[in-house]
Amino acid sequence: MSGLLALLDDVAAIAKVAAASVDDVAAAAAKAGAKAAGVVIDDAAVTPKYVHGFSADRELPIIRRIATGSLKNKLIFLLPGLLALDYFLPQAITPLLMMGGAYLCFEGAEKLVHAFAPHADAEVAEDFDTRDPAHLEEAKVAGAIKTDFILSAEIMTIALATIESPSFAMRAITLAIVGTLITVAVYGAVALIVKMDDIGLHMAANRRTRAARAFGRGLVLAMPKVMAFLSTVGTAAMLWVGGNIVIHGLEVTHLWPAPYEAIHHIAETAAHAVPAAPGVVAWVVTAALDGVCGLILGLALIPPVTRVIGPLWAKLTGSQGAAH
């Protein structure tokens, strides 16, 4: 009997340790997911464009295929690759983060340039050639998964850098949870967004009450504005997150800590000036200045990327539109 009680006591102790580990994983996953939120916003804002022009019955299957590809990107390729890099060459994580941040700055700045100074683009013109619908769908899905790989790499790298546990197993589990939950959240939201106009049309045509039909018509009319807003938020998030990553990386690596220190000082000064909400003010000022720095860096990167790096990469890989 005493042996049984001892066994039960051991089981209870193991259960407590397991429960604590689950709590630690959940807390780490939440923290890592929050840190990567800016890239997640951009991911959700970018994806709906890939179903534009397809019939309504193909929208959800396309999103499902992209989501499956995104999950493979995160769990099959990025998860083991990043964990191996973190184990054997951890000093490479910050430079990789900075490269990803610079890419986000470039993408955000390029979007702004296209918005304020529209101009012809060979890749975009080619994109309007519908060709065979099945071939077009394959091309769109493949392009979306490639774009997702870059954003997923940034999300997973940010998440990995945020996880503080020394345990390899906990880091792996937390990273897998973050990758899975973010994929489900992003593509679930995307599916809802792209079907919202269809929901509105159904309500406007089939609901019995006048209020419900009016609400359906409102959804249909609102969706173009919602999509435009999402695009704006996505661009702002790219510049903010990209600028923050690069500035923080310059400070951590001691290459050029001055921008980080200046932004931190300005944010603290602004927070002291508004004692009612110092934390909010400091965050807003920091995010805004990070975004401005990200925009400056992105604008500086546009000429070398589009005129040198992009064409060179296209020649090496035999791909078209490598800079886009």
Protein backbone atom coordinates (compact mmCIF):
# COMPACT_ATOMS: atom_id res chain seq x y z
CA MET A 1 0.00 0.00 0.00
CA SER A 2 2.82 2.35 0.86
CA GLY A 3 4.41 1.56 -2.50
CA LEU A 4 1.16 2.44 -4.28
CA LEU A 5 0.90 5.72 -2.38
CA ALA A 6 4.50 6.53 -3.27
CA LEU A 7 3.77 5.78 -6.93
CA LEU A 8 0.70 8.00 -6.85
CA ASP A 9 2.77 10.75 -5.23
CA ASP A 10 5.36 10.43 -8.00
CA VAL A 11 2.60 10.56 -10.63
CA ALA A 12 1.16 13.67 -9.00
CA ALA A 13 4.60 15.30 -8.99
CA ILE A 14 5.09 14.44 -12.69
CA ALA A 15 1.64 15.85 -13.45
CA LYS A 16 2.54 19.10 -11.70
CA VAL A 17 5.76 19.37 -13.69
CA ALA A 18 3.87 18.62 -16.91
CA ALA A 19 1.22 21.22 -16.08
CA ALA A 20 3.91 23.78 -15.35
CA SER A 21 5.59 22.95 -18.67
CA VAL A 22 2.29 23.37 -20.51
CA ASP A 23 1.83 26.75 -18.83
CA ASP A 24 5.38 27.73 -19.78
CA VAL A 25 4.83 26.67 -23.40
CA ALA A 26 1.53 28.56 -23.56
CA ALA A 27 3.09 31.70 -22.08
CA ALA A 28 6.10 31.49 -24.40
CA ALA A 29 3.86 30.88 -27.42
CA ALA A 30 1.67 33.87 -26.55
CA LYS A 31 4.71 36.12 -26.10
CA ALA A 32 6.33 34.93 -29.32
CA GLY A 33 3.08 35.28 -31.27
CA ALA A 34 2.56 38.82 -29.98
CA LYS A 35 6.11 39.77 -30.95
CA ALA A 36 5.48 38.54 -34.50
CA ALA A 37 2.08 40.27 -34.74
CA GLY A 38 3.26 42.95 -37.15
CA VAL A 39 4.35 40.40 -39.74
CA VAL A 40 1.15 38.41 -39.14
CA ILE A 41 -0.93 41.51 -39.96
CA ASP A 42 0.95 41.91 -43.22
CA ASP A 43 0.53 38.21 -44.02
CA ALA A 44 -3.23 38.51 -43.54
CA ALA A 45 -3.33 41.69 -45.60
CA VAL A 46 -1.29 40.27 -48.52
CA THR A 47 -2.98 36.88 -49.00
CA PRO A 48 -6.50 37.90 -50.20
CA LYS A 49 -5.06 39.28 -53.46
CA TYR A 50 -4.20 35.75 -54.58
CA VAL A 51 -7.88 34.77 -54.96
CA HIS A 52 -8.82 37.94 -56.82
CA GLY A 53 -10.35 37.14 -60.21
CA PHE A 54 -11.34 33.55 -59.44
CA SER A 55 -14.91 32.27 -59.21
CA ALA A 56 -16.44 32.16 -55.72
CA ASP A 57 -16.38 28.35 -55.58
CA ARG A 58 -12.57 28.31 -56.04
CA GLU A 59 -11.74 30.88 -53.35
CA LEU A 60 -11.80 28.60 -50.30
CA PRO A 61 -10.00 25.68 -52.01
CA ILE A 62 -7.23 28.08 -53.07
CA ILE A 63 -6.92 29.47 -49.54
CA ARG A 64 -6.83 25.92 -48.15
CA ARG A 65 -3.99 25.01 -50.53
CA ILE A 66 -2.04 28.13 -49.57
CA ALA A 67 -2.63 27.46 -45.86
CA THR A 68 -1.37 23.88 -46.28
CA GLY A 69 1.72 25.17 -48.05
CA SER A 70 2.24 27.74 -45.29
CA LEU A 71 2.07 25.05 -42.62
CA LYS A 72 4.61 22.95 -44.54
CA ASN A 73 6.86 26.02 -44.83
CA LYS A 74 6.80 26.54 -41.09
CA LEU A 75 6.89 22.99 -39.72
CA ILE A 76 8.83 20.99 -42.31
CA PHE A 77 11.40 23.50 -43.60
CA LEU A 78 11.73 26.46 -41.22
CA LEU A 79 11.27 24.78 -37.84
CA PRO A 80 14.13 22.24 -38.10
CA GLY A 81 16.31 24.66 -40.06
CA LEU A 82 16.00 27.46 -37.50
CA LEU A 83 16.42 25.13 -34.53
CA ALA A 84 19.59 23.69 -36.08
CA LEU A 85 20.91 27.17 -36.77
CA ASP A 86 20.04 28.28 -33.24
CA TYR A 87 21.87 25.26 -31.81
CA PHE A 88 25.02 25.29 -33.98
CA LEU A 89 25.31 28.97 -34.97
CA PRO A 90 23.10 31.13 -32.70
CA GLN A 91 25.04 34.30 -33.55
CA ALA A 92 23.54 34.12 -37.06
CA ILE A 93 19.96 34.64 -35.80
CA THR A 94 20.24 38.41 -35.35
CA PRO A 95 21.79 39.04 -38.81
CA LEU A 96 19.08 36.87 -40.36
CA LEU A 97 16.45 38.84 -38.52
CA MET A 98 17.99 42.07 -39.79
CA MET A 99 18.00 40.77 -43.38
CA GLY A 100 14.33 39.86 -43.04
CA GLY A 101 13.61 43.25 -41.51
CA ALA A 102 15.36 45.00 -44.38
CA TYR A 103 13.27 42.97 -46.83
CA LEU A 104 10.08 44.07 -45.05
CA CYS A 105 11.23 47.70 -45.25
CA PHE A 106 11.88 47.29 -48.98
CA GLU A 107 8.45 45.73 -49.59
CA GLY A 108 6.66 48.41 -47.57
CA ALA A 109 8.50 51.25 -49.28
CA GLU A 110 7.87 49.73 -52.73
CA LYS A 111 4.13 49.54 -51.96
CA LEU A 112 4.12 53.22 -51.05
CA VAL A 113 6.02 54.16 -54.20
CA HIS A 114 3.51 52.23 -56.33
CA ALA A 115 0.61 53.87 -54.44
CA PHE A 116 1.83 57.45 -54.88
CA ALA A 117 3.55 57.06 -58.25
CA PRO A 118 1.81 54.28 -60.22
CA HIS A 119 3.84 52.99 -63.13
CA ALA A 120 3.87 50.11 -65.57
CA ASP A 121 5.32 46.83 -64.39
CA ALA A 122 6.15 43.93 -66.69
CA GLU A 123 5.42 41.32 -64.02
CA VAL A 124 2.06 42.89 -63.22
CA ALA A 125 1.18 43.05 -66.91
CA GLU A 126 2.05 39.40 -67.27
CA ASP A 127 -0.10 38.67 -64.22
CA PHE A 128 -3.17 39.97 -66.07
CA ASP A 129 -2.72 37.31 -68.76
CA THR A 130 -5.24 34.77 -67.48
CA ARG A 131 -4.04 31.92 -69.74
CA ASP A 132 -5.60 28.57 -68.83
CA PRO A 133 -7.63 28.92 -65.55
CA ALA A 134 -6.08 25.78 -64.05
CA HIS A 135 -2.59 26.97 -64.95
CA LEU A 136 -3.37 30.40 -63.51
CA GLU A 137 -4.55 28.85 -60.24
CA GLU A 138 -1.39 26.75 -59.97
CA ALA A 139 0.76 29.81 -60.64
CA LYS A 140 -1.12 31.91 -58.08
CA VAL A 141 -0.91 29.24 -55.39
CA ALA A 142 2.80 28.69 -56.05
CA GLY A 143 3.45 32.45 -55.89
CA ALA A 144 1.48 32.79 -52.66
CA ILE A 145 3.39 29.95 -51.00
CA LYS A 146 6.72 31.52 -52.03
CA THR A 147 5.66 34.87 -50.57
CA ASP A 148 4.40 33.10 -47.46
CA PHE A 149 7.79 31.39 -47.04
CA ILE A 150 9.50 34.76 -46.64
CA LEU A 151 6.89 36.06 -44.20
CA SER A 152 6.82 32.74 -42.33
CA ALA A 153 10.60 32.78 -42.02
CA GLU A 154 10.39 36.23 -40.45
CA ILE A 155 7.57 35.15 -38.11
CA MET A 156 9.38 31.99 -36.99
CA THR A 157 12.72 33.76 -36.54
CA ILE A 158 11.10 36.51 -34.46
CA ALA A 159 9.30 33.88 -32.40
CA LEU A 160 12.49 31.86 -31.87
CA ALA A 161 14.40 34.96 -30.76
CA THR A 162 11.62 35.67 -28.22
CA ILE A 163 11.58 32.22 -26.58
CA GLU A 164 13.77 32.39 -23.48
CA SER A 165 13.71 28.75 -22.35
CA PRO A 166 17.10 26.95 -22.48
CA SER A 167 15.31 23.64 -23.14
CA PHE A 168 15.63 22.52 -26.77
CA ALA A 169 12.40 20.49 -26.55
CA MET A 170 10.40 23.41 -25.17
CA ARG A 171 11.76 25.75 -27.84
CA ALA A 172 10.80 23.26 -30.54
CA ILE A 173 7.30 22.68 -29.12
CA THR A 174 6.68 26.40 -28.59
CA LEU A 175 7.83 27.23 -32.10
CA ALA A 176 5.61 24.51 -33.57
CA ILE A 177 2.60 25.81 -31.61
CA VAL A 178 3.27 29.40 -32.68
CA GLY A 179 3.62 28.39 -36.33
CA THR A 180 0.45 26.30 -36.30
CA LEU A 181 -1.72 28.80 -34.42
CA ILE A 182 -0.56 31.73 -36.54
CA THR A 183 -1.28 29.80 -39.75
CA VAL A 184 -4.78 28.86 -38.57
CA ALA A 185 -5.50 32.42 -37.39
CA VAL A 186 -4.17 34.12 -40.54
CA TYR A 187 -5.82 31.89 -43.12
CA GLY A 188 -9.02 31.57 -41.11
CA ALA A 189 -9.25 35.36 -41.12
CA VAL A 190 -8.38 35.47 -44.83
CA ALA A 191 -11.12 32.94 -45.63
CA LEU A 192 -13.64 35.04 -43.71
CA ILE A 193 -12.51 38.23 -45.44
CA VAL A 194 -12.72 36.88 -49.00
CA LYS A 195 -16.15 35.31 -48.40
CA MET A 196 -17.63 38.31 -46.62
CA ASP A 197 -19.05 39.82 -49.80
CA ASP A 198 -20.70 36.48 -50.67
CA ILE A 199 -22.20 36.37 -47.18
CA GLY A 200 -23.48 39.90 -47.70
CA LEU A 201 -25.02 39.01 -51.07
CA HIS A 202 -26.74 35.98 -49.56
CA MET A 203 -28.15 38.07 -46.71
CA ALA A 204 -29.30 40.84 -49.06
CA ALA A 205 -31.13 38.35 -51.30
CA ASN A 206 -32.56 35.85 -48.80
CA ARG A 207 -33.13 37.43 -45.40
CA ARG A 208 -36.72 38.15 -44.48
CA THR A 209 -36.25 41.33 -42.47
CA ARG A 210 -35.42 44.64 -44.05
CA ALA A 211 -32.68 45.27 -41.46
CA ALA A 212 -30.90 42.00 -42.28
CA ARG A 213 -31.05 42.69 -46.03
CA ALA A 214 -29.71 46.19 -45.45
CA PHE A 215 -26.89 44.75 -43.34
CA GLY A 216 -26.02 42.36 -46.18
CA ARG A 217 -25.88 45.20 -48.69
CA GLY A 218 -23.70 47.12 -46.23
CA LEU A 219 -21.25 44.23 -46.08
CA VAL A 220 -20.96 44.14 -49.87
CA LEU A 221 -20.38 47.89 -50.07
CA ALA A 222 -17.94 47.90 -47.15
CA MET A 223 -15.61 45.14 -48.34
CA PRO A 224 -13.60 47.23 -50.88
CA LYS A 225 -12.94 49.77 -48.10
CA VAL A 226 -12.01 46.98 -45.68
CA MET A 227 -9.55 45.55 -48.20
CA ALA A 228 -8.02 48.99 -48.77
CA PHE A 229 -7.72 49.48 -45.00
CA LEU A 230 -6.06 46.08 -44.61
CA SER A 231 -3.57 46.96 -47.32
CA THR A 232 -2.72 50.22 -45.51
CA VAL A 233 -2.35 48.45 -42.17
CA GLY A 234 -0.20 45.77 -43.77
CA THR A 235 2.15 48.33 -45.30
CA ALA A 236 2.44 50.24 -42.02
CA ALA A 237 3.10 46.99 -40.16
CA MET A 238 5.86 46.03 -42.60
CA LEU A 239 7.66 49.35 -42.13
CA TRP A 240 7.18 49.36 -38.36
CA VAL A 241 8.29 45.76 -37.78
CA GLY A 242 11.09 45.91 -40.34
CA GLY A 243 12.46 49.17 -38.97
CA ASN A 244 12.24 47.90 -35.38
CA ILE A 245 14.10 44.67 -36.23
CA VAL A 246 16.92 46.45 -38.06
CA ILE A 247 17.34 49.18 -35.42
CA HIS A 248 17.27 46.68 -32.56
CA GLY A 249 19.74 44.46 -34.43
CA LEU A 250 22.14 47.35 -34.93
CA GLU A 251 22.01 47.98 -31.19
CA VAL A 252 22.42 44.33 -30.16
CA THR A 253 25.36 43.77 -32.52
CA HIS A 254 26.92 47.13 -31.49
CA LEU A 255 27.30 48.05 -35.15
CA TRP A 256 25.42 51.34 -34.76
CA PRO A 257 23.47 51.75 -31.48
CA ALA A 258 22.81 55.48 -32.02
CA PRO A 259 19.38 55.14 -33.75
CA TYR A 260 18.05 52.79 -31.04
CA GLU A 261 19.28 55.07 -28.26
CA ALA A 262 17.87 58.20 -29.92
CA ILE A 263 14.43 56.62 -30.44
CA HIS A 264 14.42 55.30 -26.87
CA HIS A 265 15.30 58.77 -25.53
CA ILE A 266 12.61 60.51 -27.62
CA ALA A 267 9.99 57.96 -26.54
CA GLU A 268 10.89 58.41 -22.87
CA THR A 269 10.70 62.19 -23.18
CA ALA A 270 7.27 61.97 -24.84
CA ALA A 271 6.05 59.51 -22.18
CA HIS A 272 7.08 61.88 -19.37
CA ALA A 273 5.18 64.68 -21.10
CA VAL A 274 1.94 62.65 -20.93
CA PRO A 275 1.90 61.11 -17.43
CA ALA A 276 -1.68 59.89 -17.85
CA ALA A 277 -0.62 57.19 -20.34
CA PRO A 278 3.18 56.97 -20.48
CA GLY A 279 3.30 53.38 -21.69
CA VAL A 280 0.95 53.98 -24.61
CA VAL A 281 2.71 57.18 -25.63
CA ALA A 282 6.14 55.52 -25.49
CA TRP A 283 4.91 52.62 -27.64
CA VAL A 284 3.25 54.88 -30.23
CA VAL A 285 6.29 57.15 -30.53
CA THR A 286 8.67 54.19 -30.79
CA ALA A 287 6.51 52.46 -33.41
CA ALA A 288 6.16 55.68 -35.44
CA LEU A 289 9.90 56.39 -35.41
CA ASP A 290 10.69 52.77 -36.22
CA GLY A 291 8.30 53.07 -39.17
CA VAL A 292 9.96 56.26 -40.40
CA CYS A 293 13.40 54.63 -40.19
CA GLY A 294 12.00 51.56 -41.96
CA LEU A 295 10.63 53.75 -44.75
CA ILE A 296 13.96 55.54 -45.20
CA LEU A 297 15.82 52.24 -45.35
CA GLY A 298 13.24 50.75 -47.72
CA LEU A 299 13.45 53.70 -50.11
CA ALA A 300 17.23 53.43 -50.08
CA LEU A 301 17.01 49.72 -50.93
CA ILE A 302 14.64 50.07 -53.91
CA PRO A 303 17.27 51.08 -56.53
CA PRO A 304 19.88 48.39 -55.72
CA VAL A 305 17.28 45.65 -55.26
CA THR A 306 15.27 46.35 -58.42
CA ARG A 307 18.20 47.27 -60.68
CA VAL A 308 21.04 45.06 -59.41
CA ILE A 309 20.09 42.31 -56.97
CA GLY A 310 16.76 41.38 -58.59
CA PRO A 311 18.03 41.06 -62.19
CA LEU A 312 21.15 39.23 -60.99
CA TRP A 313 19.06 36.77 -58.99
CA ALA A 314 16.75 36.28 -61.98
CA LYS A 315 19.73 35.38 -64.19
CA LEU A 316 21.15 32.97 -61.62
CA THR A 317 17.84 31.19 -60.98
CA GLY A 318 16.23 31.60 -64.39
CA SER A 319 13.12 33.09 -62.73
CA GLN A 320 11.16 36.16 -63.71
CA GLY A 321 10.21 38.99 -61.40
CA ALA A 322 12.65 37.93 -58.72
CA ALA A 323 12.78 41.38 -57.23
CA HIS A 324 9.02 41.47 -56.63
